[in-house]
N, C-alpha and C. Protein backbone atom coordinates (compact mmCIF):
# COMPACT_ATOMS: atom_id res chain seq x y z
N MET A 1 -52.00 82.54 76.04
CA MET A 1 -51.23 83.73 76.34
C MET A 1 -51.57 84.25 77.76
N ARG A 2 -52.86 84.16 78.12
CA ARG A 2 -53.29 84.62 79.44
C ARG A 2 -52.60 83.81 80.54
N TYR A 3 -52.50 82.50 80.35
CA TYR A 3 -51.85 81.65 81.34
C TYR A 3 -50.36 81.95 81.45
N PHE A 4 -49.73 82.27 80.34
CA PHE A 4 -48.33 82.63 80.36
C PHE A 4 -48.12 83.90 81.17
N CYS A 5 -48.98 84.88 81.00
CA CYS A 5 -48.88 86.13 81.76
C CYS A 5 -49.08 85.89 83.25
N LEU A 6 -50.08 85.07 83.60
CA LEU A 6 -50.31 84.76 85.00
C LEU A 6 -49.12 84.03 85.62
N LEU A 7 -48.52 83.12 84.85
CA LEU A 7 -47.35 82.40 85.33
C LEU A 7 -46.18 83.36 85.55
N ALA A 8 -45.99 84.30 84.64
CA ALA A 8 -44.90 85.28 84.78
C ALA A 8 -45.11 86.15 86.02
N ILE A 9 -46.33 86.57 86.26
CA ILE A 9 -46.63 87.38 87.44
C ILE A 9 -46.39 86.58 88.70
N TRP A 10 -46.87 85.35 88.73
CA TRP A 10 -46.68 84.49 89.90
C TRP A 10 -45.20 84.28 90.19
N LEU A 11 -44.39 84.01 89.16
CA LEU A 11 -42.96 83.80 89.36
C LEU A 11 -42.27 85.05 89.86
N SER A 12 -42.69 86.20 89.38
CA SER A 12 -42.04 87.44 89.83
C SER A 12 -42.34 87.71 91.30
N PHE A 13 -43.56 87.43 91.76
CA PHE A 13 -43.88 87.62 93.18
C PHE A 13 -43.20 86.60 94.06
N SER A 14 -43.12 85.36 93.61
CA SER A 14 -42.56 84.32 94.47
C SER A 14 -41.06 84.39 94.57
N SER A 15 -40.39 85.10 93.69
CA SER A 15 -38.94 85.17 93.75
C SER A 15 -38.40 86.51 94.22
N CYS A 16 -39.27 87.43 94.60
CA CYS A 16 -38.80 88.76 94.96
C CYS A 16 -38.18 88.82 96.35
N GLY A 17 -38.42 87.83 97.20
CA GLY A 17 -37.80 87.81 98.52
C GLY A 17 -38.59 88.54 99.58
N ILE A 18 -39.58 89.31 99.19
CA ILE A 18 -40.37 90.04 100.17
C ILE A 18 -41.57 89.19 100.58
N TYR A 19 -42.15 88.48 99.64
CA TYR A 19 -43.33 87.66 99.91
C TYR A 19 -43.12 86.29 99.32
N SER A 20 -43.56 85.29 100.04
CA SER A 20 -43.51 83.94 99.48
C SER A 20 -44.88 83.32 99.67
N PHE A 21 -45.17 82.29 98.93
CA PHE A 21 -46.47 81.66 99.03
C PHE A 21 -46.58 80.76 100.25
N THR A 22 -45.55 80.71 101.08
CA THR A 22 -45.66 80.03 102.37
C THR A 22 -46.27 80.98 103.39
N GLY A 23 -46.42 82.25 103.02
CA GLY A 23 -47.00 83.22 103.92
C GLY A 23 -45.98 84.12 104.58
N ALA A 24 -44.69 83.82 104.43
CA ALA A 24 -43.66 84.63 105.06
C ALA A 24 -43.59 86.00 104.39
N SER A 25 -43.56 87.02 105.21
CA SER A 25 -43.45 88.39 104.73
C SER A 25 -42.28 89.02 105.48
N ILE A 26 -41.12 89.02 104.84
CA ILE A 26 -39.89 89.41 105.51
C ILE A 26 -39.29 90.63 104.83
N ASP A 27 -38.90 91.59 105.63
CA ASP A 27 -38.23 92.79 105.13
C ASP A 27 -37.02 92.36 104.29
N PRO A 28 -36.81 92.96 103.12
CA PRO A 28 -35.68 92.57 102.27
C PRO A 28 -34.31 92.83 102.90
N ASN A 29 -34.24 93.67 103.95
CA ASN A 29 -32.98 93.92 104.64
C ASN A 29 -32.60 92.76 105.56
N VAL A 30 -33.56 91.92 105.89
CA VAL A 30 -33.31 90.77 106.77
C VAL A 30 -32.75 89.64 105.91
N LYS A 31 -31.54 89.20 106.24
CA LYS A 31 -30.86 88.18 105.45
C LYS A 31 -30.55 86.90 106.24
N THR A 32 -30.51 87.00 107.57
CA THR A 32 -30.04 85.88 108.38
C THR A 32 -30.92 85.67 109.61
N PHE A 33 -30.79 84.49 110.20
CA PHE A 33 -31.47 84.20 111.45
C PHE A 33 -30.58 83.36 112.35
N THR A 34 -30.82 83.48 113.64
CA THR A 34 -30.13 82.67 114.64
C THR A 34 -31.17 82.07 115.57
N ILE A 35 -31.06 80.77 115.82
CA ILE A 35 -31.92 80.11 116.78
C ILE A 35 -31.02 79.50 117.84
N HIS A 36 -31.12 80.02 119.04
CA HIS A 36 -30.34 79.49 120.15
C HIS A 36 -30.97 78.17 120.60
N THR A 37 -30.16 77.27 121.11
CA THR A 37 -30.68 76.00 121.60
C THR A 37 -31.72 76.28 122.68
N ILE A 38 -32.87 75.67 122.53
CA ILE A 38 -33.97 75.87 123.46
C ILE A 38 -33.63 75.18 124.79
N SER A 39 -33.71 75.96 125.87
CA SER A 39 -33.41 75.38 127.18
C SER A 39 -34.68 74.77 127.77
N ASN A 40 -34.48 73.81 128.67
CA ASN A 40 -35.60 73.13 129.28
C ASN A 40 -35.62 73.39 130.78
N GLN A 41 -36.60 74.18 131.22
CA GLN A 41 -36.76 74.49 132.63
C GLN A 41 -38.10 73.99 133.16
N ALA A 42 -38.69 73.04 132.46
CA ALA A 42 -39.96 72.46 132.89
C ALA A 42 -39.74 71.58 134.11
N PRO A 43 -40.76 71.42 134.95
CA PRO A 43 -40.62 70.54 136.11
C PRO A 43 -40.31 69.09 135.72
N ILE A 44 -40.84 68.66 134.59
CA ILE A 44 -40.53 67.33 134.06
C ILE A 44 -39.66 67.54 132.82
N VAL A 45 -38.45 67.01 132.84
CA VAL A 45 -37.52 67.21 131.74
C VAL A 45 -37.43 65.93 130.90
N ILE A 46 -37.81 66.07 129.63
CA ILE A 46 -37.64 65.00 128.66
C ILE A 46 -36.37 65.33 127.88
N PRO A 47 -35.33 64.50 127.98
CA PRO A 47 -34.03 64.85 127.41
C PRO A 47 -34.04 65.24 125.92
N SER A 48 -34.86 64.62 125.12
CA SER A 48 -34.85 64.89 123.67
C SER A 48 -35.69 66.09 123.27
N LEU A 49 -36.52 66.60 124.17
CA LEU A 49 -37.49 67.65 123.81
C LEU A 49 -36.82 68.94 123.35
N SER A 50 -35.81 69.38 124.07
CA SER A 50 -35.12 70.61 123.71
C SER A 50 -34.56 70.55 122.30
N ASN A 51 -33.87 69.47 121.98
CA ASN A 51 -33.28 69.31 120.66
C ASN A 51 -34.35 69.19 119.58
N THR A 52 -35.42 68.46 119.86
CA THR A 52 -36.51 68.29 118.89
C THR A 52 -37.11 69.64 118.52
N LEU A 53 -37.41 70.46 119.51
CA LEU A 53 -38.00 71.78 119.25
C LEU A 53 -37.03 72.71 118.53
N THR A 54 -35.77 72.71 118.96
CA THR A 54 -34.76 73.57 118.33
C THR A 54 -34.61 73.22 116.85
N GLU A 55 -34.44 71.95 116.56
CA GLU A 55 -34.24 71.52 115.17
C GLU A 55 -35.50 71.73 114.32
N SER A 56 -36.67 71.56 114.91
CA SER A 56 -37.91 71.79 114.17
C SER A 56 -38.04 73.26 113.76
N LEU A 57 -37.69 74.17 114.67
CA LEU A 57 -37.76 75.60 114.35
C LEU A 57 -36.73 75.97 113.30
N ARG A 58 -35.52 75.44 113.42
CA ARG A 58 -34.49 75.70 112.40
C ARG A 58 -34.94 75.20 111.03
N GLN A 59 -35.49 73.99 111.01
CA GLN A 59 -35.95 73.40 109.75
C GLN A 59 -37.07 74.25 109.12
N GLU A 60 -37.98 74.74 109.95
CA GLU A 60 -39.08 75.57 109.44
C GLU A 60 -38.56 76.83 108.77
N LEU A 61 -37.61 77.50 109.39
CA LEU A 61 -37.06 78.73 108.80
C LEU A 61 -36.20 78.43 107.58
N ASN A 62 -35.43 77.35 107.62
CA ASN A 62 -34.62 76.98 106.45
C ASN A 62 -35.49 76.60 105.26
N THR A 63 -36.59 75.93 105.51
CA THR A 63 -37.46 75.45 104.45
C THR A 63 -38.36 76.54 103.88
N ASN A 64 -38.86 77.42 104.73
CA ASN A 64 -39.90 78.35 104.30
C ASN A 64 -39.47 79.80 104.17
N THR A 65 -38.17 80.05 104.26
CA THR A 65 -37.66 81.40 104.00
C THR A 65 -36.38 81.29 103.17
N ASN A 66 -35.93 82.41 102.68
CA ASN A 66 -34.66 82.47 101.94
C ASN A 66 -33.52 82.95 102.85
N LEU A 67 -33.74 82.94 104.14
CA LEU A 67 -32.75 83.44 105.08
C LEU A 67 -31.64 82.43 105.31
N ASN A 68 -30.45 82.94 105.61
CA ASN A 68 -29.31 82.08 105.93
C ASN A 68 -29.20 81.95 107.45
N GLN A 69 -28.89 80.75 107.88
CA GLN A 69 -28.77 80.47 109.31
C GLN A 69 -27.36 80.79 109.79
N LEU A 70 -27.27 81.51 110.92
CA LEU A 70 -25.99 81.80 111.57
C LEU A 70 -26.02 81.25 112.99
N GLU A 71 -24.86 80.88 113.50
CA GLU A 71 -24.78 80.40 114.89
C GLU A 71 -25.06 81.52 115.88
N SER A 72 -24.69 82.75 115.53
CA SER A 72 -24.98 83.91 116.37
C SER A 72 -25.00 85.16 115.50
N GLY A 73 -25.66 86.20 115.98
CA GLY A 73 -25.65 87.48 115.29
C GLY A 73 -26.58 87.59 114.11
N GLY A 74 -27.61 86.75 114.01
CA GLY A 74 -28.55 86.84 112.90
C GLY A 74 -29.43 88.07 112.99
N ASP A 75 -29.96 88.48 111.84
CA ASP A 75 -30.88 89.63 111.82
C ASP A 75 -32.13 89.32 112.63
N LEU A 76 -32.60 88.08 112.56
CA LEU A 76 -33.70 87.61 113.39
C LEU A 76 -33.11 86.64 114.39
N GLU A 77 -33.49 86.81 115.65
CA GLU A 77 -32.90 85.97 116.69
C GLU A 77 -34.01 85.38 117.57
N PHE A 78 -33.92 84.07 117.78
CA PHE A 78 -34.91 83.36 118.59
C PHE A 78 -34.21 82.74 119.81
N ALA A 79 -34.77 82.98 120.98
CA ALA A 79 -34.31 82.33 122.22
C ALA A 79 -35.57 81.83 122.91
N ALA A 80 -35.56 80.57 123.33
CA ALA A 80 -36.77 80.01 123.92
C ALA A 80 -36.44 79.11 125.10
N THR A 81 -37.43 78.97 125.96
CA THR A 81 -37.32 78.11 127.13
C THR A 81 -38.58 77.27 127.24
N ILE A 82 -38.41 75.98 127.46
CA ILE A 82 -39.55 75.11 127.75
C ILE A 82 -39.88 75.34 129.22
N THR A 83 -41.08 75.84 129.48
CA THR A 83 -41.46 76.16 130.85
C THR A 83 -42.42 75.15 131.45
N ASN A 84 -43.05 74.33 130.61
CA ASN A 84 -43.98 73.34 131.15
C ASN A 84 -44.09 72.13 130.22
N TYR A 85 -44.10 70.97 130.84
CA TYR A 85 -44.37 69.68 130.18
C TYR A 85 -45.25 68.95 131.16
N GLN A 86 -46.53 68.77 130.79
CA GLN A 86 -47.48 68.30 131.78
C GLN A 86 -48.50 67.35 131.17
N VAL A 87 -48.86 66.33 131.92
CA VAL A 87 -49.93 65.41 131.54
C VAL A 87 -51.07 65.62 132.53
N THR A 88 -52.28 65.86 131.98
CA THR A 88 -53.46 66.07 132.82
C THR A 88 -54.62 65.25 132.28
N PRO A 89 -55.50 64.78 133.17
CA PRO A 89 -56.72 64.10 132.72
C PRO A 89 -57.72 65.13 132.19
N VAL A 90 -58.40 64.82 131.09
CA VAL A 90 -59.34 65.79 130.53
C VAL A 90 -60.75 65.24 130.33
N ALA A 91 -60.95 63.96 130.46
CA ALA A 91 -62.29 63.40 130.25
C ALA A 91 -62.64 62.43 131.37
N PRO A 92 -62.95 62.95 132.54
CA PRO A 92 -63.29 62.07 133.66
C PRO A 92 -64.57 61.29 133.40
N GLN A 93 -64.60 60.08 133.91
CA GLN A 93 -65.77 59.22 133.77
C GLN A 93 -66.37 59.00 135.15
N ALA A 94 -67.47 58.28 135.19
CA ALA A 94 -68.18 58.03 136.44
C ALA A 94 -67.32 57.28 137.46
N ASN A 95 -66.44 56.43 137.00
CA ASN A 95 -65.60 55.65 137.92
C ASN A 95 -64.34 56.40 138.34
N GLU A 96 -64.30 57.71 138.11
CA GLU A 96 -63.21 58.60 138.50
C GLU A 96 -61.89 58.31 137.79
N ILE A 97 -61.96 57.59 136.70
CA ILE A 97 -60.78 57.36 135.87
C ILE A 97 -60.99 58.12 134.58
N SER A 98 -60.01 58.88 134.19
CA SER A 98 -60.12 59.66 132.97
C SER A 98 -60.01 58.77 131.74
N ALA A 99 -60.84 59.05 130.75
CA ALA A 99 -60.78 58.30 129.49
C ALA A 99 -59.70 58.86 128.58
N VAL A 100 -59.39 60.15 128.75
CA VAL A 100 -58.43 60.82 127.88
C VAL A 100 -57.46 61.64 128.74
N ASN A 101 -56.20 61.58 128.39
CA ASN A 101 -55.18 62.41 129.01
C ASN A 101 -54.68 63.42 127.99
N ARG A 102 -54.14 64.51 128.48
CA ARG A 102 -53.63 65.57 127.61
C ARG A 102 -52.18 65.87 127.96
N LEU A 103 -51.33 65.79 126.95
CA LEU A 103 -49.94 66.20 127.10
C LEU A 103 -49.83 67.64 126.59
N SER A 104 -49.38 68.55 127.45
CA SER A 104 -49.23 69.97 127.10
C SER A 104 -47.77 70.37 127.22
N ILE A 105 -47.34 71.19 126.29
CA ILE A 105 -45.98 71.75 126.31
C ILE A 105 -46.10 73.26 126.15
N THR A 106 -45.39 73.99 127.01
CA THR A 106 -45.39 75.45 126.94
C THR A 106 -43.97 75.95 126.70
N LEU A 107 -43.86 76.89 125.77
CA LEU A 107 -42.59 77.54 125.44
C LEU A 107 -42.71 79.03 125.68
N ASN A 108 -41.70 79.62 126.28
CA ASN A 108 -41.60 81.06 126.36
C ASN A 108 -40.54 81.47 125.33
N VAL A 109 -40.93 82.31 124.37
CA VAL A 109 -40.06 82.66 123.25
C VAL A 109 -39.78 84.15 123.24
N GLU A 110 -38.50 84.48 123.08
CA GLU A 110 -38.09 85.86 122.84
C GLU A 110 -37.62 85.95 121.41
N PHE A 111 -38.27 86.83 120.64
CA PHE A 111 -37.93 87.05 119.24
C PHE A 111 -37.40 88.47 119.11
N ILE A 112 -36.21 88.60 118.53
CA ILE A 112 -35.61 89.92 118.32
C ILE A 112 -35.37 90.11 116.83
N ASN A 113 -35.93 91.18 116.30
CA ASN A 113 -35.69 91.56 114.92
C ASN A 113 -34.70 92.73 114.97
N HIS A 114 -33.43 92.45 114.70
CA HIS A 114 -32.39 93.46 114.81
C HIS A 114 -32.48 94.53 113.73
N GLN A 115 -33.25 94.27 112.67
CA GLN A 115 -33.45 95.26 111.61
C GLN A 115 -34.61 96.20 111.92
N ASN A 116 -35.56 95.73 112.73
CA ASN A 116 -36.72 96.54 113.09
C ASN A 116 -37.16 96.13 114.50
N GLU A 117 -36.62 96.80 115.50
CA GLU A 117 -36.87 96.46 116.90
C GLU A 117 -38.36 96.50 117.27
N LYS A 118 -39.17 97.27 116.54
CA LYS A 118 -40.60 97.35 116.82
C LYS A 118 -41.30 96.01 116.57
N GLN A 119 -40.70 95.15 115.78
CA GLN A 119 -41.29 93.84 115.50
C GLN A 119 -40.82 92.77 116.48
N SER A 120 -39.99 93.12 117.43
CA SER A 120 -39.53 92.16 118.44
C SER A 120 -40.63 91.91 119.46
N TRP A 121 -40.61 90.73 120.07
CA TRP A 121 -41.63 90.37 121.05
C TRP A 121 -41.15 89.23 121.95
N THR A 122 -41.85 89.09 123.07
CA THR A 122 -41.70 87.93 123.95
C THR A 122 -43.10 87.39 124.16
N SER A 123 -43.23 86.08 124.00
CA SER A 123 -44.56 85.49 124.08
C SER A 123 -44.48 84.05 124.57
N SER A 124 -45.57 83.60 125.15
CA SER A 124 -45.68 82.22 125.61
C SER A 124 -46.61 81.46 124.66
N PHE A 125 -46.23 80.25 124.30
CA PHE A 125 -47.01 79.41 123.40
C PHE A 125 -47.26 78.07 124.09
N THR A 126 -48.51 77.63 124.08
CA THR A 126 -48.86 76.33 124.64
C THR A 126 -49.65 75.55 123.59
N ARG A 127 -49.28 74.30 123.42
CA ARG A 127 -50.01 73.38 122.55
C ARG A 127 -50.13 72.06 123.26
N TYR A 128 -51.08 71.26 122.83
CA TYR A 128 -51.31 69.97 123.49
C TYR A 128 -51.79 68.93 122.49
N ALA A 129 -51.75 67.69 122.93
CA ALA A 129 -52.30 66.56 122.18
C ALA A 129 -52.92 65.60 123.18
N ASP A 130 -54.06 65.06 122.83
CA ASP A 130 -54.76 64.13 123.69
C ASP A 130 -54.47 62.69 123.30
N TYR A 131 -54.53 61.80 124.28
CA TYR A 131 -54.35 60.37 124.02
C TYR A 131 -55.18 59.58 125.03
N SER A 132 -55.52 58.38 124.66
CA SER A 132 -56.35 57.52 125.51
C SER A 132 -55.61 57.18 126.79
N SER A 133 -56.32 57.23 127.91
CA SER A 133 -55.68 56.90 129.18
C SER A 133 -55.36 55.41 129.29
N GLY A 134 -55.92 54.62 128.39
CA GLY A 134 -55.61 53.20 128.37
C GLY A 134 -54.26 52.89 127.74
N ILE A 135 -53.64 53.92 127.18
CA ILE A 135 -52.33 53.76 126.53
C ILE A 135 -51.27 54.37 127.44
N ASP A 136 -50.18 53.65 127.64
CA ASP A 136 -49.08 54.16 128.44
C ASP A 136 -48.41 55.32 127.69
N LEU A 137 -48.15 56.42 128.38
CA LEU A 137 -47.55 57.61 127.76
C LEU A 137 -46.25 57.26 127.02
N SER A 138 -45.45 56.40 127.57
CA SER A 138 -44.15 56.08 126.96
C SER A 138 -44.30 55.49 125.56
N THR A 139 -45.44 54.87 125.26
CA THR A 139 -45.62 54.29 123.93
C THR A 139 -46.04 55.33 122.89
N VAL A 140 -46.63 56.44 123.31
CA VAL A 140 -47.08 57.46 122.36
C VAL A 140 -46.34 58.79 122.52
N GLN A 141 -45.48 58.87 123.51
CA GLN A 141 -44.82 60.14 123.84
C GLN A 141 -44.06 60.74 122.66
N GLU A 142 -43.27 59.95 121.97
CA GLU A 142 -42.47 60.47 120.85
C GLU A 142 -43.37 61.07 119.76
N GLN A 143 -44.45 60.37 119.42
CA GLN A 143 -45.37 60.87 118.40
C GLN A 143 -46.08 62.13 118.86
N LEU A 144 -46.50 62.16 120.12
CA LEU A 144 -47.18 63.34 120.65
C LEU A 144 -46.24 64.54 120.66
N ILE A 145 -44.99 64.33 121.06
CA ILE A 145 -44.01 65.42 121.08
C ILE A 145 -43.81 65.96 119.67
N LYS A 146 -43.74 65.09 118.70
CA LYS A 146 -43.56 65.53 117.31
C LYS A 146 -44.77 66.36 116.86
N GLU A 147 -45.96 65.90 117.17
CA GLU A 147 -47.19 66.61 116.80
C GLU A 147 -47.25 67.98 117.47
N ILE A 148 -46.99 68.02 118.76
CA ILE A 148 -47.03 69.29 119.50
C ILE A 148 -45.92 70.23 119.02
N SER A 149 -44.73 69.69 118.76
CA SER A 149 -43.61 70.50 118.27
C SER A 149 -43.98 71.18 116.95
N ASN A 150 -44.60 70.44 116.05
CA ASN A 150 -45.01 71.01 114.76
C ASN A 150 -45.98 72.16 114.96
N GLN A 151 -46.92 72.01 115.89
CA GLN A 151 -47.89 73.07 116.16
C GLN A 151 -47.20 74.30 116.77
N LEU A 152 -46.32 74.08 117.73
CA LEU A 152 -45.61 75.18 118.37
C LEU A 152 -44.74 75.94 117.36
N VAL A 153 -44.01 75.20 116.54
CA VAL A 153 -43.14 75.83 115.54
C VAL A 153 -43.96 76.64 114.55
N GLU A 154 -45.10 76.12 114.14
CA GLU A 154 -45.97 76.87 113.23
C GLU A 154 -46.45 78.16 113.88
N ASP A 155 -46.82 78.10 115.15
CA ASP A 155 -47.25 79.31 115.87
C ASP A 155 -46.13 80.35 115.94
N ILE A 156 -44.93 79.90 116.29
CA ILE A 156 -43.78 80.81 116.40
C ILE A 156 -43.45 81.42 115.04
N PHE A 157 -43.38 80.58 114.03
CA PHE A 157 -43.07 81.04 112.66
C PHE A 157 -44.10 82.09 112.23
N ASN A 158 -45.37 81.78 112.42
CA ASN A 158 -46.43 82.72 112.00
C ASN A 158 -46.31 84.05 112.73
N LYS A 159 -46.05 84.02 114.01
CA LYS A 159 -45.95 85.29 114.76
C LYS A 159 -44.71 86.08 114.35
N ALA A 160 -43.63 85.37 114.05
CA ALA A 160 -42.37 86.05 113.74
C ALA A 160 -42.29 86.59 112.31
N VAL A 161 -42.73 85.83 111.33
CA VAL A 161 -42.48 86.25 109.94
C VAL A 161 -43.71 86.28 109.04
N VAL A 162 -44.87 85.96 109.55
CA VAL A 162 -46.09 86.06 108.74
C VAL A 162 -46.88 87.25 109.27
N ASN A 163 -46.92 88.29 108.51
CA ASN A 163 -47.56 89.53 108.96
C ASN A 163 -48.89 89.72 108.25
N TRP A 164 -49.87 88.94 108.61
CA TRP A 164 -51.19 89.06 107.98
C TRP A 164 -51.99 90.11 108.68
């Protein structure tokens, strides 16, 4: 009987729309979201990066919230720009050749909560992934972009809808 009661309580909290066990804490008045296509203004432009980041963010909100996606006019609105895509050496060795390179991606994100303007913000997010300098970037680039995109999307999602 105790387990049945705990299950009933858990189901009531997880279906109320205010809190979910993914960590999202969204005002019940918020019903929709809009994610504008992320623009790429980085000095190095990777053609697929903008679409990868845009779709990853859309997927995160579709999967982890009960919000409906709109092309424009959502209660929550995301606009972002890729401002940096950079490879730098991070582990120099005695022979002046780096053992490890780092791919970094920076996004500038504007988040607008049309239901509560006090929760709106503009912020910059940077994430990176390291890879061996003995490996050509073109062979690992797609995997690194996917890894970094997941980290960036998680950061944006947490700042926008997880109010811990």
